[in-house]
PDB file of N, CA and C in Angstrom:
ATOM      1  N   MET A   1     172.532 -22.448  33.695  1.00  0.00           N
ATOM      2  CA  MET A   1     173.962 -22.428  33.505  1.00  0.00           C
ATOM      3  C   MET A   1     174.334 -21.236  32.634  1.00  0.00           C
ATOM      4  N   ALA A   2     175.353 -20.495  33.026  1.00  0.00           N
ATOM      5  CA  ALA A   2     175.773 -19.303  32.305  1.00  0.00           C
ATOM      6  C   ALA A   2     176.419 -19.679  30.985  1.00  0.00           C
ATOM      7  N   THR A   3     176.135 -18.874  29.975  1.00  0.00           N
ATOM      8  CA  THR A   3     176.766 -19.028  28.675  1.00  0.00           C
ATOM      9  C   THR A   3     177.728 -17.871  28.498  1.00  0.00           C
ATOM     10  N   PHE A   4     178.943 -18.169  28.075  1.00  0.00           N
ATOM     11  CA  PHE A   4     179.933 -17.121  27.900  1.00  0.00           C
ATOM     12  C   PHE A   4     180.200 -16.913  26.418  1.00  0.00           C
ATOM     13  N   SER A   5     180.254 -15.650  26.022  1.00  0.00           N
ATOM     14  CA  SER A   5     180.580 -15.262  24.656  1.00  0.00           C
ATOM     15  C   SER A   5     181.349 -13.956  24.722  1.00  0.00           C
ATOM     16  N   THR A   6     181.903 -13.559  23.605  1.00  0.00           N
ATOM     17  CA  THR A   6     182.563 -12.258  23.538  1.00  0.00           C
ATOM     18  C   THR A   6     181.857 -11.397  22.511  1.00  0.00           C
ATOM     19  N   THR A   7     182.004 -10.110  22.669  1.00  0.00           N
ATOM     20  CA  THR A   7     181.414  -9.157  21.737  1.00  0.00           C
ATOM     21  C   THR A   7     182.292  -7.919  21.738  1.00  0.00           C
ATOM     22  N   ARG A   8     181.984  -6.966  20.897  1.00  0.00           N
ATOM     23  CA  ARG A   8     182.765  -5.729  20.808  1.00  0.00           C
ATOM     24  C   ARG A   8     181.859  -4.512  20.894  1.00  0.00           C
ATOM     25  N   LEU A   9     182.437  -3.430  21.329  1.00  0.00           N
ATOM     26  CA  LEU A   9     181.751  -2.151  21.366  1.00  0.00           C
ATOM     27  C   LEU A   9     182.011  -1.445  20.043  1.00  0.00           C
ATOM     28  N   THR A  10     180.949  -0.987  19.359  1.00  0.00           N
ATOM     29  CA  THR A  10     181.126  -0.288  18.088  1.00  0.00           C
ATOM     30  C   THR A  10     181.498   1.171  18.334  1.00  0.00           C
ATOM     31  N   SER A  11     181.863   1.853  17.270  1.00  0.00           N
ATOM     32  CA  SER A  11     182.206   3.274  17.374  1.00  0.00           C
ATOM     33  C   SER A  11     181.001   4.113  17.796  1.00  0.00           C
ATOM     34  N   LYS A  12     179.791   3.576  17.634  1.00  0.00           N
ATOM     35  CA  LYS A  12     178.569   4.262  18.046  1.00  0.00           C
ATOM     36  C   LYS A  12     178.158   3.886  19.473  1.00  0.00           C
ATOM     37  N   GLY A  13     178.983   3.090  20.157  1.00  0.00           N
ATOM     38  CA  GLY A  13     178.674   2.697  21.522  1.00  0.00           C
ATOM     39  C   GLY A  13     177.702   1.540  21.615  1.00  0.00           C
ATOM     40  N   GLN A  14     177.496   0.820  20.521  1.00  0.00           N
ATOM     41  CA  GLN A  14     176.561  -0.298  20.517  1.00  0.00           C
ATOM     42  C   GLN A  14     177.280  -1.610  20.811  1.00  0.00           C
ATOM     43  N   VAL A  15     176.555  -2.506  21.476  1.00  0.00           N
ATOM     44  CA  VAL A  15     177.074  -3.831  21.798  1.00  0.00           C
ATOM     45  C   VAL A  15     176.090  -4.858  21.248  1.00  0.00           C
ATOM     46  N   VAL A  16     176.597  -5.863  20.553  1.00  0.00           N
ATOM     47  CA  VAL A  16     175.744  -6.938  20.056  1.00  0.00           C
ATOM     48  C   VAL A  16     175.702  -8.033  21.107  1.00  0.00           C
ATOM     49  N   ILE A  17     174.484  -8.418  21.492  1.00  0.00           N
ATOM     50  CA  ILE A  17     174.326  -9.549  22.410  1.00  0.00           C
ATOM     51  C   ILE A  17     174.349 -10.802  21.536  1.00  0.00           C
ATOM     52  N   PRO A  18     175.271 -11.721  21.789  1.00  0.00           N
ATOM     53  CA  PRO A  18     175.394 -12.909  20.939  1.00  0.00           C
ATOM     54  C   PRO A  18     174.070 -13.674  20.811  1.00  0.00           C
ATOM     55  N   GLU A  19     173.866 -14.255  19.628  1.00  0.00           N
ATOM     56  CA  GLU A  19     172.609 -14.928  19.297  1.00  0.00           C
ATOM     57  C   GLU A  19     172.229 -16.021  20.292  1.00  0.00           C
ATOM     58  N   ASP A  20     173.189 -16.829  20.705  1.00  0.00           N
ATOM     59  CA  ASP A  20     172.856 -17.920  21.630  1.00  0.00           C
ATOM     60  C   ASP A  20     172.306 -17.389  22.952  1.00  0.00           C
ATOM     61  N   ILE A  21     172.827 -16.263  23.408  1.00  0.00           N
ATOM     62  CA  ILE A  21     172.339 -15.662  24.650  1.00  0.00           C
ATOM     63  C   ILE A  21     170.963 -15.032  24.417  1.00  0.00           C
ATOM     64  N   ARG A  22     170.793 -14.344  23.274  1.00  0.00           N
ATOM     65  CA  ARG A  22     169.482 -13.752  22.962  1.00  0.00           C
ATOM     66  C   ARG A  22     168.399 -14.825  22.931  1.00  0.00           C
ATOM     67  N   LYS A  23     168.705 -15.964  22.311  1.00  0.00           N
ATOM     68  CA  LYS A  23     167.717 -17.050  22.226  1.00  0.00           C
ATOM     69  C   LYS A  23     167.424 -17.634  23.601  1.00  0.00           C
ATOM     70  N   ARG A  24     168.471 -17.907  24.376  1.00  0.00           N
ATOM     71  CA  ARG A  24     168.276 -18.524  25.685  1.00  0.00           C
ATOM     72  C   ARG A  24     167.461 -17.628  26.610  1.00  0.00           C
ATOM     73  N   LEU A  25     167.697 -16.321  26.523  1.00  0.00           N
ATOM     74  CA  LEU A  25     166.977 -15.377  27.381  1.00  0.00           C
ATOM     75  C   LEU A  25     165.689 -14.856  26.748  1.00  0.00           C
ATOM     76  N   ARG A  26     165.396 -15.343  25.537  1.00  0.00           N
ATOM     77  CA  ARG A  26     164.189 -14.939  24.788  1.00  0.00           C
ATOM     78  C   ARG A  26     164.123 -13.420  24.606  1.00  0.00           C
ATOM     79  N   LEU A  27     165.247 -12.823  24.251  1.00  0.00           N
ATOM     80  CA  LEU A  27     165.289 -11.385  24.017  1.00  0.00           C
ATOM     81  C   LEU A  27     164.772 -11.081  22.620  1.00  0.00           C
ATOM     82  N   LYS A  28     163.961 -10.058  22.517  1.00  0.00           N
ATOM     83  CA  LYS A  28     163.348  -9.678  21.245  1.00  0.00           C
ATOM     84  C   LYS A  28     163.710  -8.237  20.903  1.00  0.00           C
ATOM     85  N   PRO A  29     163.741  -7.906  19.602  1.00  0.00           N
ATOM     86  CA  PRO A  29     164.012  -6.516  19.200  1.00  0.00           C
ATOM     87  C   PRO A  29     163.021  -5.559  19.861  1.00  0.00           C
ATOM     88  N   GLY A  30     163.523  -4.434  20.312  1.00  0.00           N
ATOM     89  CA  GLY A  30     162.676  -3.428  20.938  1.00  0.00           C
ATOM     90  C   GLY A  30     162.570  -3.550  22.448  1.00  0.00           C
ATOM     91  N   MET A  31     163.035  -4.674  23.016  1.00  0.00           N
ATOM     92  CA  MET A  31     162.997  -4.809  24.476  1.00  0.00           C
ATOM     93  C   MET A  31     163.884  -3.737  25.096  1.00  0.00           C
ATOM     94  N   GLN A  32     163.516  -3.283  26.275  1.00  0.00           N
ATOM     95  CA  GLN A  32     164.293  -2.261  26.964  1.00  0.00           C
ATOM     96  C   GLN A  32     165.006  -2.859  28.163  1.00  0.00           C
ATOM     97  N   PHE A  33     166.132  -2.215  28.510  1.00  0.00           N
ATOM     98  CA  PHE A  33     166.963  -2.691  29.598  1.00  0.00           C
ATOM     99  C   PHE A  33     167.355  -1.538  30.506  1.00  0.00           C
ATOM    100  N   VAL A  34     167.560  -1.846  31.769  1.00  0.00           N
ATOM    101  CA  VAL A  34     168.251  -0.955  32.688  1.00  0.00           C
ATOM    102  C   VAL A  34     169.714  -1.364  32.574  1.00  0.00           C
ATOM    103  N   VAL A  35     170.615  -0.406  32.458  1.00  0.00           N
ATOM    104  CA  VAL A  35     172.036  -0.701  32.328  1.00  0.00           C
ATOM    105  C   VAL A  35     172.739  -0.189  33.579  1.00  0.00           C
ATOM    106  N   ILE A  36     173.446  -1.095  34.249  1.00  0.00           N
ATOM    107  CA  ILE A  36     174.135  -0.763  35.490  1.00  0.00           C
ATOM    108  C   ILE A  36     175.623  -0.994  35.286  1.00  0.00           C
ATOM    109  N   GLY A  37     176.434   0.001  35.574  1.00  0.00           N
ATOM    110  CA  GLY A  37     177.879  -0.136  35.491  1.00  0.00           C
ATOM    111  C   GLY A  37     178.479  -0.066  36.875  1.00  0.00           C
ATOM    112  N   GLU A  38     179.254  -1.070  37.217  1.00  0.00           N
ATOM    113  CA  GLU A  38     179.887  -1.114  38.540  1.00  0.00           C
ATOM    114  C   GLU A  38     181.285  -1.678  38.376  1.00  0.00           C
ATOM    115  N   GLY A  39     182.284  -0.879  38.717  1.00  0.00           N
ATOM    116  CA  GLY A  39     183.663  -1.334  38.527  1.00  0.00           C
ATOM    117  C   GLY A  39     183.899  -1.611  37.059  1.00  0.00           C
ATOM    118  N   ASP A  40     184.337  -2.826  36.737  1.00  0.00           N
ATOM    119  CA  ASP A  40     184.548  -3.172  35.331  1.00  0.00           C
ATOM    120  C   ASP A  40     183.430  -4.072  34.798  1.00  0.00           C
ATOM    121  N   ALA A  41     182.287  -4.110  35.508  1.00  0.00           N
ATOM    122  CA  ALA A  41     181.160  -4.950  35.092  1.00  0.00           C
ATOM    123  C   ALA A  41     180.009  -4.095  34.574  1.00  0.00           C
ATOM    124  N   ILE A  42     179.313  -4.618  33.571  1.00  0.00           N
ATOM    125  CA  ILE A  42     178.110  -3.991  33.034  1.00  0.00           C
ATOM    126  C   ILE A  42     176.998  -5.023  33.135  1.00  0.00           C
ATOM    127  N   ILE A  43     175.874  -4.616  33.715  1.00  0.00           N
ATOM    128  CA  ILE A  43     174.735  -5.512  33.867  1.00  0.00           C
ATOM    129  C   ILE A  43     173.568  -4.937  33.072  1.00  0.00           C
ATOM    130  N   PHE A  44     172.971  -5.763  32.229  1.00  0.00           N
ATOM    131  CA  PHE A  44     171.761  -5.405  31.505  1.00  0.00           C
ATOM    132  C   PHE A  44     170.609  -6.157  32.154  1.00  0.00           C
ATOM    133  N   LYS A  45     169.596  -5.448  32.622  1.00  0.00           N
ATOM    134  CA  LYS A  45     168.428  -6.065  33.235  1.00  0.00           C
ATOM    135  C   LYS A  45     167.216  -5.695  32.405  1.00  0.00           C
ATOM    136  N   THR A  46     166.487  -6.701  31.919  1.00  0.00           N
ATOM    137  CA  THR A  46     165.312  -6.401  31.107  1.00  0.00           C
ATOM    138  C   THR A  46     164.265  -5.679  31.951  1.00  0.00           C
ATOM    139  N   ILE A  47     163.576  -4.765  31.307  1.00  0.00           N
ATOM    140  CA  ILE A  47     162.476  -4.050  31.948  1.00  0.00           C
ATOM    141  C   ILE A  47     161.200  -4.767  31.534  1.00  0.00           C
ATOM    142  N   VAL A  48     160.525  -5.340  32.503  1.00  0.00           N
ATOM    143  CA  VAL A  48     159.292  -6.073  32.234  1.00  0.00           C
ATOM    144  C   VAL A  48     158.164  -5.363  32.968  1.00  0.00           C
ATOM    145  N   PRO A  49     157.198  -4.825  32.216  1.00  0.00           N
ATOM    146  CA  PRO A  49     156.095  -4.151  32.894  1.00  0.00           C
ATOM    147  C   PRO A  49     155.291  -5.152  33.723  1.00  0.00           C
ATOM    148  N   PRO A  50     154.716  -4.693  34.832  1.00  0.00           N
ATOM    149  CA  PRO A  50     153.934  -5.621  35.657  1.00  0.00           C
ATOM    150  C   PRO A  50     152.664  -6.049  34.927  1.00  0.00           C
ATOM    151  N   SER A  51     152.186  -7.227  35.263  1.00  0.00           N
ATOM    152  CA  SER A  51     150.900  -7.682  34.724  1.00  0.00           C
ATOM    153  C   SER A  51     149.799  -6.809  35.319  1.00  0.00           C
ATOM    154  N   ASN A  52     148.608  -6.907  34.752  1.00  0.00           N
ATOM    155  CA  ASN A  52     147.485  -6.136  35.296  1.00  0.00           C
ATOM    156  C   ASN A  52     147.233  -6.491  36.758  1.00  0.00           C
ATOM    157  N   LYS A  53     147.371  -7.778  37.085  1.00  0.00           N
ATOM    158  CA  LYS A  53     147.152  -8.228  38.464  1.00  0.00           C
ATOM    159  C   LYS A  53     148.211  -7.634  39.398  1.00  0.00           C
ATOM    160  N   GLU A  54     149.482  -7.652  38.961  1.00  0.00           N
ATOM    161  CA  GLU A  54     150.555  -7.075  39.778  1.00  0.00           C
ATOM    162  C   GLU A  54     150.360  -5.576  39.944  1.00  0.00           C
ATOM    163  N   PHE A  55     149.954  -4.895  38.850  1.00  0.00           N
ATOM    164  CA  PHE A  55     149.740  -3.455  38.908  1.00  0.00           C
ATOM    165  C   PHE A  55     148.608  -3.121  39.865  1.00  0.00           C
ATOM    166  N   GLN A  56     147.533  -3.911  39.817  1.00  0.00           N
ATOM    167  CA  GLN A  56     146.423  -3.684  40.744  1.00  0.00           C
ATOM    168  C   GLN A  56     146.880  -3.870  42.181  1.00  0.00           C
ATOM    169  N   GLY A  57     147.756  -4.859  42.416  1.00  0.00           N
ATOM    170  CA  GLY A  57     148.301  -5.067  43.753  1.00  0.00           C
ATOM    171  C   GLY A  57     149.102  -3.875  44.231  1.00  0.00           C
ATOM    172  N   LEU A  58     149.885  -3.278  43.324  1.00  0.00           N
ATOM    173  CA  LEU A  58     150.654  -2.081  43.674  1.00  0.00           C
ATOM    174  C   LEU A  58     149.724  -0.923  44.035  1.00  0.00           C
ATOM    175  N   LEU A  59     148.652  -0.761  43.244  1.00  0.00           N
ATOM    176  CA  LEU A  59     147.680   0.297  43.533  1.00  0.00           C
ATOM    177  C   LEU A  59     146.998   0.067  44.879  1.00  0.00           C
ATOM    178  N   ASP A  60     146.642  -1.192  45.142  1.00  0.00           N
ATOM    179  CA  ASP A  60     145.993  -1.515  46.426  1.00  0.00           C
ATOM    180  C   ASP A  60     146.922  -1.205  47.600  1.00  0.00           C
ATOM    181  N   ASP A  61     148.205  -1.564  47.451  1.00  0.00           N
ATOM    182  CA  ASP A  61     149.179  -1.280  48.508  1.00  0.00           C
ATOM    183  C   ASP A  61     149.317   0.225  48.738  1.00  0.00           C
ATOM    184  N   ALA A  62     149.404   0.979  47.640  1.00  0.00           N
ATOM    185  CA  ALA A  62     149.542   2.433  47.755  1.00  0.00           C
ATOM    186  C   ALA A  62     148.313   3.040  48.416  1.00  0.00           C
ATOM    187  N   SER A  63     147.135   2.561  48.041  1.00  0.00           N
ATOM    188  CA  SER A  63     145.893   3.070  48.647  1.00  0.00           C
ATOM    189  C   SER A  63     145.858   2.772  50.141  1.00  0.00           C
ATOM    190  N   HIS A  64     146.275   1.574  50.500  1.00  0.00           N
ATOM    191  CA  HIS A  64     146.294   1.176  51.913  1.00  0.00           C
ATOM    192  C   HIS A  64     147.248   2.076  52.711  1.00  0.00           C
ATOM    193  N   GLN A  65     148.425   2.310  52.171  1.00  0.00           N
ATOM    194  CA  GLN A  65     149.407   3.155  52.859  1.00  0.00           C
ATOM    195  C   GLN A  65     148.908   4.589  52.967  1.00  0.00           C
ATOM    196  N   ALA A  66     148.236   5.076  51.925  1.00  0.00           N
ATOM    197  CA  ALA A  66     147.691   6.440  51.966  1.00  0.00           C
ATOM    198  C   ALA A  66     146.633   6.561  53.057  1.00  0.00           C
ATOM    199  N   ARG A  67     145.765   5.548  53.145  1.00  0.00           N
ATOM    200  CA  ARG A  67     144.734   5.573  54.196  1.00  0.00           C
ATOM    201  C   ARG A  67     145.372   5.556  55.583  1.00  0.00           C
ATOM    202  N   GLU A  68     146.389   4.703  55.763  1.00  0.00           N
ATOM    203  CA  GLU A  68     147.070   4.632  57.065  1.00  0.00           C
ATOM    204  C   GLU A  68     147.735   5.953  57.420  1.00  0.00           C
ATOM    205  N   ALA A  69     148.196   6.684  56.419  1.00  0.00           N
ATOM    206  CA  ALA A  69     148.853   7.972  56.658  1.00  0.00           C
ATOM    207  C   ALA A  69     147.833   9.105  56.829  1.00  0.00           C
ATOM    208  N   GLY A  70     146.546   8.783  56.632  1.00  0.00           N
ATOM    209  CA  GLY A  70     145.510   9.796  56.801  1.00  0.00           C
ATOM    210  C   GLY A  70     145.333  10.699  55.593  1.00  0.00           C
ATOM    211  N   LEU A  71     145.832  10.279  54.446  1.00  0.00           N
ATOM    212  CA  LEU A  71     145.692  11.087  53.235  1.00  0.00           C
ATOM    213  C   LEU A  71     144.311  10.905  52.619  1.00  0.00           C
ATOM    214  N   LYS A  72     143.810  12.002  52.038  1.00  0.00           N
ATOM    215  CA  LYS A  72     142.537  11.957  51.322  1.00  0.00           C
ATOM    216  C   LYS A  72     142.817  12.193  49.837  1.00  0.00           C
ATOM    217  N   ARG A  73     141.844  11.870  48.998  1.00  0.00           N
ATOM    218  CA  ARG A  73     142.012  12.099  47.554  1.00  0.00           C
ATOM    219  C   ARG A  73     142.353  13.568  47.267  1.00  0.00           C
ATOM    220  N   SER A  74     141.724  14.463  48.003  1.00  0.00           N
ATOM    221  CA  SER A  74     141.972  15.897  47.778  1.00  0.00           C
ATOM    222  C   SER A  74     143.430  16.246  48.091  1.00  0.00           C
ATOM    223  N   ASP A  75     144.028  15.571  49.080  1.00  0.00           N
ATOM    224  CA  ASP A  75     145.441  15.802  49.396  1.00  0.00           C
ATOM    225  C   ASP A  75     146.330  15.388  48.222  1.00  0.00           C
ATOM    226  N   ILE A  76     145.988  14.257  47.622  1.00  0.00           N
ATOM    227  CA  ILE A  76     146.766  13.755  46.484  1.00  0.00           C
ATOM    228  C   ILE A  76     146.641  14.711  45.303  1.00  0.00           C
ATOM    229  N   LYS A  77     145.414  15.151  45.029  1.00  0.00           N
ATOM    230  CA  LYS A  77     145.193  16.076  43.909  1.00  0.00           C
ATOM    231  C   LYS A  77     145.961  17.384  44.127  1.00  0.00           C
ATOM    232  N   LYS A  78     145.977  17.892  45.358  1.00  0.00           N
ATOM    233  CA  LYS A  78     146.724  19.115  45.662  1.00  0.00           C
ATOM    234  C   LYS A  78     148.219  18.907  45.451  1.00  0.00           C
ATOM    235  N   ALA A  79     148.730  17.763  45.877  1.00  0.00           N
ATOM    236  CA  ALA A  79     150.167  17.480  45.723  1.00  0.00           C
ATOM    237  C   ALA A  79     150.549  17.387  44.257  1.00  0.00           C
ATOM    238  N   ILE A  80     149.697  16.746  43.456  1.00  0.00           N
ATOM    239  CA  ILE A  80     149.962  16.627  42.011  1.00  0.00           C
ATOM    240  C   ILE A  80     149.941  18.013  41.367  1.00  0.00           C
ATOM    241  N   LYS A  81     148.960  18.813  41.716  1.00  0.00           N
ATOM    242  CA  LYS A  81     148.859  20.165  41.154  1.00  0.00           C
ATOM    243  C   LYS A  81     150.095  20.995  41.518  1.00  0.00           C
ATOM    244  N   LYS A  82     150.554  20.871  42.759  1.00  0.00           N
ATOM    245  CA  LYS A  82     151.724  21.610  43.222  1.00  0.00           C
ATOM    246  C   LYS A  82     152.958  21.232  42.428  1.00  0.00           C
ATOM    247  N   VAL A  83     153.169  19.941  42.218  1.00  0.00           N
ATOM    248  CA  VAL A  83     154.339  19.468  41.475  1.00  0.00           C
ATOM    249  C   VAL A  83     154.263  19.904  40.026  1.00  0.00           C
ATOM    250  N   ARG A  84     153.087  19.798  39.430  1.00  0.00           N
ATOM    251  CA  ARG A  84     152.927  20.156  38.006  1.00  0.00           C
ATOM    252  C   ARG A  84     153.144  21.646  37.769  1.00  0.00           C
ATOM    253  N   THR A  85     152.834  22.493  38.725  1.00  0.00           N
ATOM    254  CA  THR A  85     153.020  23.931  38.525  1.00  0.00           C
ATOM    255  C   THR A  85     154.503  24.308  38.636  1.00  0.00           C
ATOM    256  N   LYS A  86     155.322  23.448  39.255  1.00  0.00           N
ATOM    257  CA  LYS A  86     156.762  23.714  39.356  1.00  0.00           C
ATOM    258  C   LYS A  86     157.480  23.482  38.028  1.00  0.00           C
ATOM    259  N   VAL A  87     156.883  22.704  37.139  1.00  0.00           N
ATOM    260  CA  VAL A  87     157.533  22.335  35.879  1.00  0.00           C
ATOM    261  C   VAL A  87     157.416  23.384  34.861  1.00  0.00           C
TER     262      VAL A  87
END
């Protein structure tokens, strides 16, 4: 169930998330958010790094797609080198 509260924008552009919402969502100091503005709405989405298992799954998927595309490790290394020399 949604909890409604009000807050204000400070002169520094900061917004305080009300305590009851912070507790309910288990928000902790230092957590990071993606901030999306659409029309007159602002959405804060917590950034949660994937678990080791999820990250391994992402790597496995990427490896599978690379193999299907016919890419070799040397192709990847060349692409990385090319991008890094542009910077």
